[in-house]
Amino acid sequence: MLPNLLHHNVPRFIAHIQNRGGVTDDEMHWLRCEDDTPEYPEGLFNRADEYLLYPKDQATFEKGLFVLVRAIAIMSFVPGGVHIFGLHFSSQIENFVVIEDGSGET
């Protein structure tokens, strides 16, 4: 389920970031922030079970998904992009995502 949600949502975020001129310094700071709260990637990843795998409700899952999608979209702007759950996201490829099972761009 999560890979399908990422496949659908991350390219939209990448396009939004690209259309406004790229990743901002504030976004890079947010991405690297080490605050242990689920509003930042580090805190979310420390609580992935609570927010993404076994959330108590839909709102909790959506909050976690938003942070994950935003983080992957920002990371897609680094050289080589990001590989996760059998998907390759990059701001440099057409449609911003490739399924890594060999089926090509989507």
Protein backbone atom coordinates (compact mmCIF):
# COMPACT_ATOMS: atom_id res chain seq x y z
CA MET A 1 0.00 0.00 0.00
CA LEU A 2 2.69 2.51 0.97
CA PRO A 3 4.68 2.13 -2.28
CA ASN A 4 1.51 2.83 -4.31
CA LEU A 5 0.78 5.94 -2.26
CA LEU A 6 4.34 7.17 -2.73
CA HIS A 7 4.26 6.40 -6.46
CA HIS A 8 1.12 8.52 -6.78
CA ASN A 9 1.99 11.42 -4.45
CA VAL A 10 5.74 12.04 -4.51
CA PRO A 11 5.88 13.07 -8.21
CA ARG A 12 3.22 15.72 -7.51
CA PHE A 13 5.37 17.20 -4.76
CA ILE A 14 8.47 17.05 -6.97
CA ALA A 15 6.61 18.92 -9.73
CA HIS A 16 5.42 21.54 -7.25
CA ILE A 17 8.94 22.10 -5.94
CA GLN A 18 10.37 22.22 -9.46
CA ASN A 19 7.71 24.65 -10.69
CA ARG A 20 8.54 27.15 -7.97
CA GLY A 21 12.26 27.01 -8.68
CA GLY A 22 13.62 24.12 -6.63
CA VAL A 23 14.30 23.19 -3.04
CA THR A 24 14.60 26.08 -0.58
CA ASP A 25 17.11 26.44 2.25
CA ASP A 26 14.21 26.11 4.70
CA GLU A 27 13.24 22.77 3.16
CA MET A 28 16.80 21.48 3.43
CA HIS A 29 16.91 22.59 7.06
CA TRP A 30 13.57 20.84 7.70
CA LEU A 31 14.88 17.67 6.06
CA ARG A 32 18.06 17.62 8.17
CA CYS A 33 16.38 18.69 11.42
CA GLU A 34 17.09 16.24 14.21
CA ASP A 35 14.06 17.16 16.35
CA ASP A 36 12.52 13.98 17.65
CA THR A 37 8.97 14.94 16.77
CA PRO A 38 6.86 13.47 13.94
CA GLU A 39 6.69 16.85 12.18
CA TYR A 40 10.25 16.21 10.96
CA PRO A 41 11.58 13.19 9.05
CA GLU A 42 13.92 12.06 11.85
CA GLY A 43 11.12 11.99 14.39
CA LEU A 44 8.72 10.32 11.96
CA PHE A 45 11.20 7.58 11.12
CA ASN A 46 11.73 6.97 14.85
CA ARG A 47 7.96 6.40 15.11
CA ALA A 48 7.22 4.79 11.73
CA ASP A 49 5.23 2.03 13.38
CA GLU A 50 2.95 4.55 15.09
CA TYR A 51 2.44 6.82 12.06
CA LEU A 52 2.81 4.64 8.97
CA LEU A 53 2.59 0.95 9.80
CA TYR A 54 0.01 0.73 12.60
CA PRO A 55 -1.57 4.19 12.96
CA LYS A 56 -4.39 4.63 15.45
CA ASP A 57 -6.51 6.48 12.88
CA GLN A 58 -6.56 7.88 9.34
CA ALA A 59 -5.46 11.37 10.46
CA THR A 60 -2.33 9.95 12.10
CA PHE A 61 -1.47 7.99 8.96
CA GLU A 62 -2.03 11.03 6.72
CA LYS A 63 0.23 13.15 8.93
CA GLY A 64 3.00 10.55 8.65
CA LEU A 65 2.46 10.11 4.92
CA PHE A 66 2.72 13.88 4.33
CA VAL A 67 6.09 14.07 6.10
CA LEU A 68 7.38 11.01 4.21
CA VAL A 69 6.20 12.26 0.81
CA ARG A 70 7.65 15.72 1.40
CA ALA A 71 11.00 14.29 2.53
CA ILE A 72 11.29 11.99 -0.49
CA ALA A 73 10.33 14.82 -2.86
CA ILE A 74 13.03 17.07 -1.41
CA MET A 75 15.63 14.28 -1.53
CA SER A 76 14.77 13.65 -5.19
CA PHE A 77 16.65 16.85 -6.02
CA VAL A 78 20.02 15.52 -4.84
CA PRO A 79 22.19 13.97 -7.56
CA GLY A 80 20.97 10.44 -8.22
CA GLY A 81 17.65 10.98 -6.47
CA VAL A 82 16.36 8.54 -3.87
CA HIS A 83 15.56 4.82 -3.98
CA ILE A 84 12.87 3.47 -1.66
CA PHE A 85 10.38 0.57 -1.75
CA GLY A 86 11.47 -0.47 -5.25
CA LEU A 87 10.95 3.03 -6.64
CA HIS A 88 13.52 5.56 -7.85
CA PHE A 89 12.48 9.19 -7.45
CA SER A 90 14.49 11.92 -9.14
CA SER A 91 13.76 15.45 -10.29
CA GLN A 92 15.93 14.69 -13.33
CA ILE A 93 13.87 11.89 -14.89
CA GLU A 94 10.66 12.07 -16.88
CA ASN A 95 7.58 11.82 -14.65
CA PHE A 96 10.01 11.85 -11.68
CA VAL A 97 9.68 8.14 -10.85
CA VAL A 98 10.93 4.79 -12.15
CA ILE A 99 9.73 1.41 -10.92
CA GLU A 100 12.96 -0.49 -10.27
CA ASP A 101 11.70 -3.92 -11.30
CA GLY A 102 12.84 -3.10 -14.82
CA SER A 103 9.52 -1.96 -16.22
CA GLY A 104 10.83 1.57 -16.81
CA GLU A 105 9.45 5.02 -16.22
CA THR A 106 5.82 5.50 -15.34
